[in-house]
N, C-alpha and C. Protein backbone atom coordinates (compact mmCIF):
# COMPACT_ATOMS: atom_id res chain seq x y z
N MET A 1 29.77 -2.72 9.53
CA MET A 1 29.63 -3.91 10.33
C MET A 1 30.94 -4.19 11.05
N ILE A 2 30.83 -4.49 12.32
CA ILE A 2 31.99 -4.83 13.14
C ILE A 2 31.85 -6.30 13.53
N SER A 3 32.83 -7.10 13.16
CA SER A 3 32.76 -8.53 13.44
C SER A 3 32.89 -8.81 14.95
N ASP A 4 32.48 -10.01 15.34
CA ASP A 4 32.63 -10.40 16.74
C ASP A 4 34.10 -10.43 17.15
N HIS A 5 34.99 -10.85 16.24
CA HIS A 5 36.43 -10.85 16.53
C HIS A 5 36.92 -9.43 16.81
N ALA A 6 36.46 -8.49 16.01
CA ALA A 6 36.87 -7.09 16.20
C ALA A 6 36.32 -6.54 17.52
N LYS A 7 35.07 -6.88 17.86
CA LYS A 7 34.49 -6.42 19.12
C LYS A 7 35.30 -6.94 20.31
N GLU A 8 35.66 -8.22 20.27
CA GLU A 8 36.48 -8.80 21.33
C GLU A 8 37.86 -8.14 21.36
N SER A 9 38.37 -7.81 20.20
CA SER A 9 39.69 -7.16 20.12
C SER A 9 39.66 -5.77 20.72
N PHE A 10 38.62 -4.99 20.42
CA PHE A 10 38.50 -3.66 21.03
C PHE A 10 38.44 -3.77 22.56
N ASP A 11 37.72 -4.78 23.05
CA ASP A 11 37.64 -5.02 24.49
C ASP A 11 39.03 -5.31 25.08
N ARG A 12 39.76 -6.23 24.45
CA ARG A 12 41.11 -6.58 24.95
C ARG A 12 42.06 -5.37 24.90
N ILE A 13 41.97 -4.61 23.84
CA ILE A 13 42.84 -3.43 23.70
C ILE A 13 42.51 -2.41 24.79
N PHE A 14 41.21 -2.17 25.04
CA PHE A 14 40.84 -1.24 26.10
C PHE A 14 41.34 -1.74 27.45
N ARG A 15 41.11 -3.00 27.77
CA ARG A 15 41.52 -3.54 29.07
C ARG A 15 43.03 -3.43 29.28
N LYS A 16 43.80 -3.73 28.24
CA LYS A 16 45.26 -3.63 28.35
C LYS A 16 45.67 -2.18 28.60
N ALA A 17 45.10 -1.26 27.83
CA ALA A 17 45.44 0.16 27.99
C ALA A 17 45.03 0.68 29.37
N ALA A 18 43.83 0.30 29.82
CA ALA A 18 43.35 0.75 31.12
C ALA A 18 44.23 0.23 32.25
N HIS A 19 44.59 -1.05 32.19
CA HIS A 19 45.47 -1.60 33.22
C HIS A 19 46.84 -0.92 33.23
N ALA A 20 47.32 -0.56 32.05
CA ALA A 20 48.66 0.05 31.95
C ALA A 20 48.67 1.53 32.29
N ARG A 21 47.59 2.26 31.98
CA ARG A 21 47.66 3.73 32.05
C ARG A 21 46.74 4.40 33.06
N LEU A 22 45.65 3.76 33.47
CA LEU A 22 44.76 4.43 34.42
C LEU A 22 45.28 4.43 35.85
N PRO A 23 45.97 3.38 36.31
CA PRO A 23 46.51 3.44 37.68
C PRO A 23 47.59 4.53 37.80
N ALA A 24 47.57 5.23 38.93
CA ALA A 24 48.57 6.28 39.17
C ALA A 24 49.94 5.67 39.45
N ASP A 25 49.96 4.45 39.94
CA ASP A 25 51.20 3.75 40.27
C ASP A 25 51.09 2.32 39.74
N GLY A 26 52.18 1.80 39.21
CA GLY A 26 52.17 0.45 38.64
C GLY A 26 51.81 -0.64 39.63
N ALA A 27 51.97 -0.39 40.91
CA ALA A 27 51.65 -1.38 41.94
C ALA A 27 50.17 -1.34 42.34
N ASP A 28 49.44 -0.35 41.89
CA ASP A 28 48.02 -0.21 42.25
C ASP A 28 47.17 -1.22 41.50
N THR A 29 46.07 -1.61 42.12
CA THR A 29 45.14 -2.53 41.47
C THR A 29 44.23 -1.75 40.52
N CYS A 30 43.80 -2.45 39.49
CA CYS A 30 42.87 -1.87 38.51
C CYS A 30 41.87 -2.95 38.15
N GLU A 31 40.67 -2.86 38.72
CA GLU A 31 39.62 -3.83 38.46
C GLU A 31 38.67 -3.27 37.40
N ILE A 32 38.46 -4.06 36.36
CA ILE A 32 37.60 -3.63 35.25
C ILE A 32 36.49 -4.65 35.07
N ALA A 33 35.26 -4.18 35.04
CA ALA A 33 34.12 -5.06 34.83
C ALA A 33 33.20 -4.46 33.78
N LEU A 34 32.71 -5.31 32.88
CA LEU A 34 31.72 -4.90 31.91
C LEU A 34 30.43 -4.61 32.67
N THR A 35 29.75 -3.53 32.34
CA THR A 35 28.53 -3.17 33.05
C THR A 35 27.31 -3.33 32.16
N GLU A 36 26.15 -3.30 32.76
CA GLU A 36 24.89 -3.46 32.04
C GLU A 36 24.52 -2.24 31.22
N GLU A 37 25.21 -1.12 31.43
CA GLU A 37 24.87 0.10 30.71
C GLU A 37 25.39 0.11 29.28
N ALA A 38 25.79 -1.04 28.77
CA ALA A 38 26.35 -1.08 27.42
C ALA A 38 25.39 -0.53 26.37
N VAL A 39 24.09 -0.72 26.59
CA VAL A 39 23.13 -0.23 25.61
C VAL A 39 22.88 1.25 25.80
N THR A 40 22.66 1.68 27.02
CA THR A 40 22.44 3.10 27.32
C THR A 40 23.27 3.46 28.54
N PRO A 41 24.45 4.02 28.37
CA PRO A 41 25.29 4.37 29.52
C PRO A 41 24.52 5.25 30.51
N ASP A 42 24.71 4.98 31.79
CA ASP A 42 23.99 5.66 32.86
C ASP A 42 24.70 6.95 33.25
N ALA A 43 24.12 8.07 32.83
CA ALA A 43 24.71 9.38 33.13
C ALA A 43 24.52 9.77 34.59
N SER A 44 23.67 9.05 35.33
CA SER A 44 23.43 9.42 36.72
C SER A 44 24.56 8.97 37.64
N ARG A 45 25.43 8.05 37.17
CA ARG A 45 26.52 7.57 38.03
C ARG A 45 27.64 8.59 38.16
N THR A 46 27.88 9.37 37.15
CA THR A 46 28.96 10.37 37.18
C THR A 46 28.45 11.68 36.61
N SER A 47 29.15 12.75 36.93
CA SER A 47 28.69 14.05 36.46
C SER A 47 29.42 14.55 35.22
N GLN A 48 30.62 14.02 34.97
CA GLN A 48 31.41 14.50 33.84
C GLN A 48 32.03 13.32 33.09
N VAL A 49 32.35 13.57 31.82
CA VAL A 49 33.06 12.57 31.03
C VAL A 49 34.18 13.25 30.25
N VAL A 50 35.23 12.49 30.03
CA VAL A 50 36.33 12.91 29.16
C VAL A 50 36.18 12.12 27.87
N VAL A 51 36.17 12.81 26.75
CA VAL A 51 35.98 12.16 25.46
C VAL A 51 37.27 12.29 24.65
N LEU A 52 37.72 11.15 24.13
CA LEU A 52 38.86 11.12 23.22
C LEU A 52 38.45 10.32 22.00
N THR A 53 38.97 10.69 20.85
CA THR A 53 38.59 10.04 19.61
C THR A 53 39.82 9.50 18.89
N ILE A 54 39.68 8.28 18.39
CA ILE A 54 40.68 7.70 17.50
C ILE A 54 39.94 7.44 16.19
N SER A 55 40.42 8.05 15.11
CA SER A 55 39.73 7.94 13.83
C SER A 55 40.62 7.32 12.76
N SER A 56 39.99 6.53 11.92
CA SER A 56 40.67 5.98 10.74
C SER A 56 39.73 6.12 9.55
N ILE A 57 40.14 5.64 8.42
CA ILE A 57 39.30 5.69 7.23
C ILE A 57 38.09 4.77 7.39
N VAL A 58 38.27 3.64 8.08
CA VAL A 58 37.18 2.65 8.19
C VAL A 58 36.33 2.78 9.44
N CYS A 59 36.83 3.42 10.50
CA CYS A 59 36.02 3.51 11.72
C CYS A 59 36.48 4.67 12.60
N ARG A 60 35.61 4.98 13.56
CA ARG A 60 35.90 6.01 14.56
C ARG A 60 35.61 5.42 15.92
N LEU A 61 36.57 5.50 16.83
CA LEU A 61 36.42 4.99 18.19
C LEU A 61 36.38 6.17 19.15
N LEU A 62 35.37 6.19 20.01
CA LEU A 62 35.31 7.17 21.09
C LEU A 62 35.64 6.44 22.38
N LEU A 63 36.65 6.91 23.09
CA LEU A 63 36.94 6.44 24.44
C LEU A 63 36.39 7.49 25.37
N ILE A 64 35.43 7.09 26.19
CA ILE A 64 34.77 8.03 27.09
C ILE A 64 35.02 7.56 28.51
N LEU A 65 35.69 8.39 29.29
CA LEU A 65 35.98 8.06 30.68
C LEU A 65 35.10 8.91 31.58
N HIS A 66 34.30 8.25 32.40
CA HIS A 66 33.32 8.90 33.28
C HIS A 66 33.98 9.14 34.63
N PHE A 67 33.78 10.31 35.20
CA PHE A 67 34.38 10.59 36.50
C PHE A 67 33.59 11.62 37.28
N ASP A 68 33.79 11.60 38.57
CA ASP A 68 33.34 12.66 39.47
C ASP A 68 34.59 13.20 40.12
N GLU A 69 34.63 14.47 40.31
CA GLU A 69 35.78 15.08 40.98
C GLU A 69 35.54 15.02 42.49
N ASP A 70 35.35 13.80 43.00
CA ASP A 70 35.11 13.59 44.43
C ASP A 70 36.44 13.43 45.16
N ASP A 71 36.36 13.38 46.49
CA ASP A 71 37.59 13.30 47.30
C ASP A 71 38.42 12.06 46.98
N ALA A 72 37.77 10.91 46.82
CA ALA A 72 38.52 9.67 46.55
C ALA A 72 39.30 9.76 45.24
N THR A 73 38.67 10.29 44.21
CA THR A 73 39.32 10.39 42.90
C THR A 73 40.42 11.45 42.93
N ARG A 74 40.13 12.57 43.56
CA ARG A 74 41.15 13.64 43.67
C ARG A 74 42.37 13.12 44.44
N GLN A 75 42.15 12.47 45.57
CA GLN A 75 43.26 11.98 46.38
C GLN A 75 44.04 10.89 45.66
N TYR A 76 43.35 10.10 44.85
CA TYR A 76 44.05 9.04 44.13
C TYR A 76 44.99 9.61 43.07
N TYR A 77 44.52 10.58 42.30
CA TYR A 77 45.33 11.11 41.20
C TYR A 77 46.23 12.28 41.59
N LEU A 78 45.93 12.97 42.66
CA LEU A 78 46.79 14.08 43.10
C LEU A 78 47.50 13.65 44.38
N LYS A 79 48.74 13.28 44.24
CA LYS A 79 49.53 12.84 45.38
C LYS A 79 49.99 14.04 46.19
N GLU A 80 50.45 13.76 47.39
CA GLU A 80 50.96 14.80 48.30
C GLU A 80 51.97 15.69 47.58
N GLY A 81 51.77 16.97 47.63
CA GLY A 81 52.70 17.93 47.04
C GLY A 81 52.44 18.24 45.57
N ASP A 82 51.50 17.53 44.94
CA ASP A 82 51.18 17.80 43.54
C ASP A 82 50.36 19.08 43.48
N GLU A 83 50.88 20.08 42.79
CA GLU A 83 50.23 21.39 42.75
C GLU A 83 49.38 21.60 41.50
N ARG A 84 49.34 20.60 40.63
CA ARG A 84 48.52 20.73 39.42
C ARG A 84 47.05 20.67 39.77
N PRO A 85 46.22 21.33 38.98
CA PRO A 85 44.77 21.16 39.17
C PRO A 85 44.39 19.71 38.84
N PHE A 86 43.36 19.20 39.51
CA PHE A 86 42.92 17.82 39.28
C PHE A 86 42.65 17.56 37.81
N ARG A 87 41.92 18.44 37.16
CA ARG A 87 41.53 18.20 35.77
C ARG A 87 42.76 18.04 34.87
N GLU A 88 43.79 18.84 35.09
CA GLU A 88 45.02 18.73 34.29
C GLU A 88 45.66 17.35 34.47
N ALA A 89 45.77 16.90 35.72
CA ALA A 89 46.37 15.60 36.00
C ALA A 89 45.52 14.47 35.41
N PHE A 90 44.21 14.58 35.57
CA PHE A 90 43.32 13.51 35.10
C PHE A 90 43.29 13.46 33.57
N LEU A 91 43.26 14.59 32.91
CA LEU A 91 43.25 14.59 31.44
C LEU A 91 44.54 13.98 30.88
N GLU A 92 45.64 14.19 31.57
CA GLU A 92 46.91 13.58 31.16
C GLU A 92 46.81 12.06 31.22
N ILE A 93 46.23 11.54 32.29
CA ILE A 93 46.05 10.09 32.44
C ILE A 93 45.12 9.56 31.34
N CYS A 94 44.03 10.25 31.09
CA CYS A 94 43.09 9.85 30.05
C CYS A 94 43.78 9.82 28.68
N ASN A 95 44.58 10.83 28.41
CA ASN A 95 45.29 10.90 27.14
C ASN A 95 46.28 9.74 26.99
N LEU A 96 46.95 9.38 28.08
CA LEU A 96 47.88 8.25 28.05
C LEU A 96 47.15 6.94 27.77
N CYS A 97 45.97 6.77 28.37
CA CYS A 97 45.18 5.56 28.15
C CYS A 97 44.75 5.47 26.68
N CYS A 98 44.25 6.56 26.14
CA CYS A 98 43.84 6.57 24.74
C CYS A 98 45.05 6.37 23.82
N GLY A 99 46.17 6.96 24.18
CA GLY A 99 47.39 6.78 23.40
C GLY A 99 47.84 5.33 23.35
N ALA A 100 47.68 4.62 24.47
CA ALA A 100 48.02 3.20 24.51
C ALA A 100 47.10 2.40 23.59
N MET A 101 45.82 2.76 23.57
CA MET A 101 44.89 2.10 22.64
C MET A 101 45.27 2.41 21.20
N ASN A 102 45.61 3.66 20.94
CA ASN A 102 46.01 4.08 19.60
C ASN A 102 47.23 3.27 19.13
N GLN A 103 48.20 3.09 20.02
CA GLN A 103 49.41 2.33 19.66
C GLN A 103 49.06 0.90 19.27
N GLU A 104 48.16 0.26 20.02
CA GLU A 104 47.74 -1.11 19.68
C GLU A 104 46.98 -1.14 18.36
N LEU A 105 46.09 -0.18 18.17
CA LEU A 105 45.28 -0.16 16.96
C LEU A 105 46.09 0.14 15.70
N LEU A 106 47.22 0.81 15.86
CA LEU A 106 48.08 1.11 14.70
C LEU A 106 48.58 -0.16 14.01
N ARG A 107 48.60 -1.26 14.72
CA ARG A 107 49.01 -2.55 14.12
C ARG A 107 48.01 -3.00 13.06
N TYR A 108 46.77 -2.58 13.18
CA TYR A 108 45.70 -3.05 12.30
C TYR A 108 45.13 -1.97 11.40
N PHE A 109 45.30 -0.71 11.82
CA PHE A 109 44.80 0.44 11.07
C PHE A 109 45.94 1.46 10.97
N PRO A 110 46.67 1.48 9.86
CA PRO A 110 47.85 2.34 9.77
C PRO A 110 47.56 3.83 9.60
N ASP A 111 46.32 4.20 9.48
CA ASP A 111 45.96 5.59 9.15
C ASP A 111 45.22 6.28 10.29
N LEU A 112 45.66 6.11 11.52
CA LEU A 112 44.92 6.63 12.67
C LEU A 112 45.30 8.06 13.04
N GLY A 113 44.31 8.76 13.56
CA GLY A 113 44.52 10.08 14.14
C GLY A 113 43.83 10.10 15.49
N MET A 114 44.40 10.82 16.44
CA MET A 114 43.85 10.86 17.80
C MET A 114 43.59 12.30 18.20
N SER A 115 42.45 12.53 18.85
CA SER A 115 42.09 13.89 19.29
C SER A 115 42.69 14.19 20.65
N THR A 116 42.62 15.45 21.01
CA THR A 116 42.96 15.84 22.38
C THR A 116 41.72 15.61 23.23
N PRO A 117 41.90 15.38 24.53
CA PRO A 117 40.73 15.13 25.38
C PRO A 117 39.89 16.39 25.60
N TYR A 118 38.60 16.19 25.71
CA TYR A 118 37.72 17.29 26.09
C TYR A 118 36.69 16.77 27.09
N VAL A 119 36.21 17.66 27.95
CA VAL A 119 35.30 17.29 29.03
C VAL A 119 33.89 17.75 28.68
N LEU A 120 32.94 16.86 28.88
CA LEU A 120 31.53 17.15 28.66
C LEU A 120 30.72 16.74 29.90
N ASN A 121 29.51 17.22 29.97
CA ASN A 121 28.60 16.79 31.01
C ASN A 121 28.15 15.37 30.68
N ALA A 122 28.04 14.51 31.68
CA ALA A 122 27.66 13.11 31.46
C ALA A 122 26.25 12.95 30.91
N ARG A 123 25.44 13.99 30.95
CA ARG A 123 24.09 13.89 30.39
C ARG A 123 24.10 13.66 28.88
N CYS A 124 25.24 13.82 28.23
CA CYS A 124 25.32 13.59 26.80
C CYS A 124 25.40 12.11 26.45
N LEU A 125 25.67 11.23 27.41
CA LEU A 125 25.87 9.82 27.12
C LEU A 125 24.71 9.13 26.39
N PRO A 126 23.47 9.37 26.75
CA PRO A 126 22.38 8.70 26.02
C PRO A 126 22.36 9.02 24.52
N TYR A 127 22.96 10.14 24.13
CA TYR A 127 22.97 10.53 22.72
C TYR A 127 23.98 9.75 21.88
N LEU A 128 24.79 8.91 22.52
CA LEU A 128 25.70 8.06 21.75
C LEU A 128 24.93 7.18 20.76
N GLN A 129 23.72 6.80 21.11
CA GLN A 129 22.89 5.99 20.21
C GLN A 129 22.65 6.69 18.87
N GLU A 130 22.65 8.02 18.88
CA GLU A 130 22.42 8.78 17.65
C GLU A 130 23.54 8.57 16.64
N LEU A 131 24.71 8.15 17.11
CA LEU A 131 25.84 7.88 16.22
C LEU A 131 25.70 6.54 15.50
N GLU A 132 24.71 5.76 15.91
CA GLU A 132 24.48 4.42 15.36
C GLU A 132 25.74 3.57 15.41
N PRO A 133 26.29 3.38 16.63
CA PRO A 133 27.53 2.63 16.75
C PRO A 133 27.36 1.15 16.46
N GLY A 134 28.41 0.55 15.94
CA GLY A 134 28.45 -0.89 15.74
C GLY A 134 28.89 -1.60 17.01
N LEU A 135 29.48 -0.84 17.93
CA LEU A 135 29.91 -1.37 19.22
C LEU A 135 29.73 -0.28 20.26
N LEU A 136 29.08 -0.63 21.35
CA LEU A 136 28.92 0.27 22.48
C LEU A 136 29.05 -0.57 23.74
N SER A 137 30.17 -0.42 24.44
CA SER A 137 30.43 -1.19 25.65
C SER A 137 30.77 -0.25 26.79
N SER A 138 30.23 -0.56 27.97
CA SER A 138 30.53 0.26 29.15
C SER A 138 31.15 -0.61 30.23
N TYR A 139 32.04 0.02 30.99
CA TYR A 139 32.81 -0.67 32.02
C TYR A 139 32.81 0.14 33.30
N SER A 140 32.98 -0.55 34.42
CA SER A 140 33.29 0.13 35.67
C SER A 140 34.75 -0.17 35.97
N VAL A 141 35.46 0.83 36.45
CA VAL A 141 36.89 0.71 36.74
C VAL A 141 37.09 1.15 38.19
N THR A 142 37.73 0.30 38.98
CA THR A 142 38.04 0.63 40.37
C THR A 142 39.54 0.57 40.54
N LEU A 143 40.11 1.67 41.01
CA LEU A 143 41.56 1.79 41.17
C LEU A 143 41.92 1.76 42.64
N ASN A 144 42.72 0.77 42.99
CA ASN A 144 43.20 0.60 44.37
C ASN A 144 42.05 0.53 45.38
N GLY A 145 40.90 0.10 44.93
CA GLY A 145 39.75 -0.05 45.81
C GLY A 145 39.11 1.25 46.25
N THR A 146 39.60 2.40 45.78
CA THR A 146 39.07 3.68 46.25
C THR A 146 38.50 4.55 45.13
N ALA A 147 39.26 4.77 44.10
CA ALA A 147 38.81 5.64 43.00
C ALA A 147 37.96 4.83 42.04
N ARG A 148 36.82 5.39 41.67
CA ARG A 148 35.90 4.71 40.76
C ARG A 148 35.67 5.57 39.52
N LEU A 149 35.86 4.93 38.38
CA LEU A 149 35.64 5.57 37.09
C LEU A 149 34.68 4.71 36.28
N GLY A 150 34.14 5.26 35.25
CA GLY A 150 33.41 4.50 34.26
C GLY A 150 34.13 4.67 32.94
N ALA A 151 33.87 3.78 32.02
CA ALA A 151 34.46 3.89 30.69
C ALA A 151 33.44 3.38 29.68
N THR A 152 33.40 4.03 28.55
CA THR A 152 32.55 3.59 27.45
C THR A 152 33.39 3.58 26.18
N ILE A 153 33.27 2.50 25.43
CA ILE A 153 33.90 2.39 24.12
C ILE A 153 32.76 2.43 23.11
N CYS A 154 32.83 3.38 22.20
CA CYS A 154 31.82 3.54 21.16
C CYS A 154 32.56 3.51 19.82
N VAL A 155 32.23 2.53 18.98
CA VAL A 155 32.91 2.40 17.69
C VAL A 155 31.87 2.49 16.58
N CYS A 156 32.09 3.41 15.66
CA CYS A 156 31.24 3.57 14.49
C CYS A 156 32.06 3.15 13.27
N ALA A 157 31.51 2.24 12.48
CA ALA A 157 32.24 1.73 11.31
C ALA A 157 31.69 2.35 10.03
N HIS A 158 32.60 2.71 9.13
CA HIS A 158 32.24 3.25 7.82
C HIS A 158 32.45 2.19 6.74
N ALA A 159 33.02 1.05 7.14
CA ALA A 159 33.29 -0.08 6.26
C ALA A 159 33.38 -1.30 7.17
N PRO A 160 33.37 -2.49 6.62
CA PRO A 160 33.50 -3.68 7.47
C PRO A 160 34.81 -3.64 8.27
N VAL A 161 34.70 -3.97 9.57
CA VAL A 161 35.86 -4.00 10.45
C VAL A 161 36.00 -5.41 11.00
N ASP A 162 37.13 -6.05 10.70
CA ASP A 162 37.39 -7.40 11.18
C ASP A 162 38.88 -7.55 11.42
N PHE A 163 39.27 -7.79 12.65
CA PHE A 163 40.66 -8.04 13.00
C PHE A 163 40.69 -8.78 14.32
N VAL A 164 41.82 -9.44 14.59
CA VAL A 164 42.02 -10.13 15.86
C VAL A 164 43.27 -9.54 16.48
N ALA A 165 43.09 -8.84 17.59
CA ALA A 165 44.22 -8.17 18.25
C ALA A 165 44.96 -9.15 19.15
N ASP A 166 46.27 -9.14 19.02
CA ASP A 166 47.13 -9.90 19.91
C ASP A 166 47.73 -8.89 20.88
N VAL A 167 47.24 -8.86 22.10
CA VAL A 167 47.71 -7.90 23.09
C VAL A 167 48.64 -8.55 24.10
N SER A 168 49.16 -9.72 23.76
CA SER A 168 50.02 -10.42 24.71
C SER A 168 51.42 -9.83 24.79
N ALA A 169 51.86 -9.14 23.75
CA ALA A 169 53.20 -8.56 23.76
C ALA A 169 53.25 -7.42 24.78
N ILE A 170 54.30 -7.42 25.59
CA ILE A 170 54.48 -6.37 26.59
C ILE A 170 55.46 -5.35 26.05
N GLU A 171 54.99 -4.12 25.97
CA GLU A 171 55.83 -3.04 25.48
C GLU A 171 55.95 -1.99 26.56
N GLU A 172 57.17 -1.63 26.90
CA GLU A 172 57.40 -0.59 27.90
C GLU A 172 57.56 0.74 27.20
N THR A 173 56.72 1.68 27.56
CA THR A 173 56.84 3.04 27.05
C THR A 173 56.76 3.98 28.22
N SER A 174 57.28 5.17 28.02
CA SER A 174 57.28 6.11 29.14
C SER A 174 56.82 7.49 28.70
N GLY A 175 55.66 7.54 28.07
CA GLY A 175 55.05 8.82 27.77
C GLY A 175 55.67 9.59 26.63
N GLU A 176 56.01 8.89 25.54
CA GLU A 176 56.57 9.61 24.41
C GLU A 176 55.56 10.56 23.83
N LEU A 177 56.05 11.59 23.22
CA LEU A 177 55.18 12.53 22.53
C LEU A 177 55.10 12.11 21.08
N GLU A 178 53.88 11.95 20.60
CA GLU A 178 53.67 11.53 19.23
C GLU A 178 53.16 12.73 18.43
N LEU A 179 53.82 13.06 17.35
CA LEU A 179 53.44 14.19 16.53
C LEU A 179 52.78 13.72 15.26
N PHE A 180 51.74 14.44 14.83
CA PHE A 180 51.04 14.09 13.60
C PHE A 180 51.27 15.16 12.57
């Protein structure tokens, strides 16, 4: 069981991480809106998803970022002169976003582990219901008015989860490498 306080906390933690890590530049806008696909995420909006997992003894959180490798998204994340493949650059951003969530969650769950990102076809999204999540929330994310992503937070609890996250503290980090 996931309490209402914990559900609100997961939402605040995601929003803080997304605002901090999904924009390519700190001056870019990042608009996040809860979408109606919270019950059954719409795989028709995007063709691919990046899945990252944060696991603890009491729960498992899946951060799923939906994307299309369209011109707007490619141009947003690959700046002039960037020779990296789009997927490499985008997976790095996704990993940073999940890492920011992991850092916040460590305040409440000291035993966390985080996976490396992997890409799946978006047609797998309806199967999230098979995990019997205690929380399933979907968001639309618009970056600088041009790049559009989706995000889904799926939390499965193995024990009661109840916490209130204080995300008001501002912490400056610059991509540290965390070893497990």
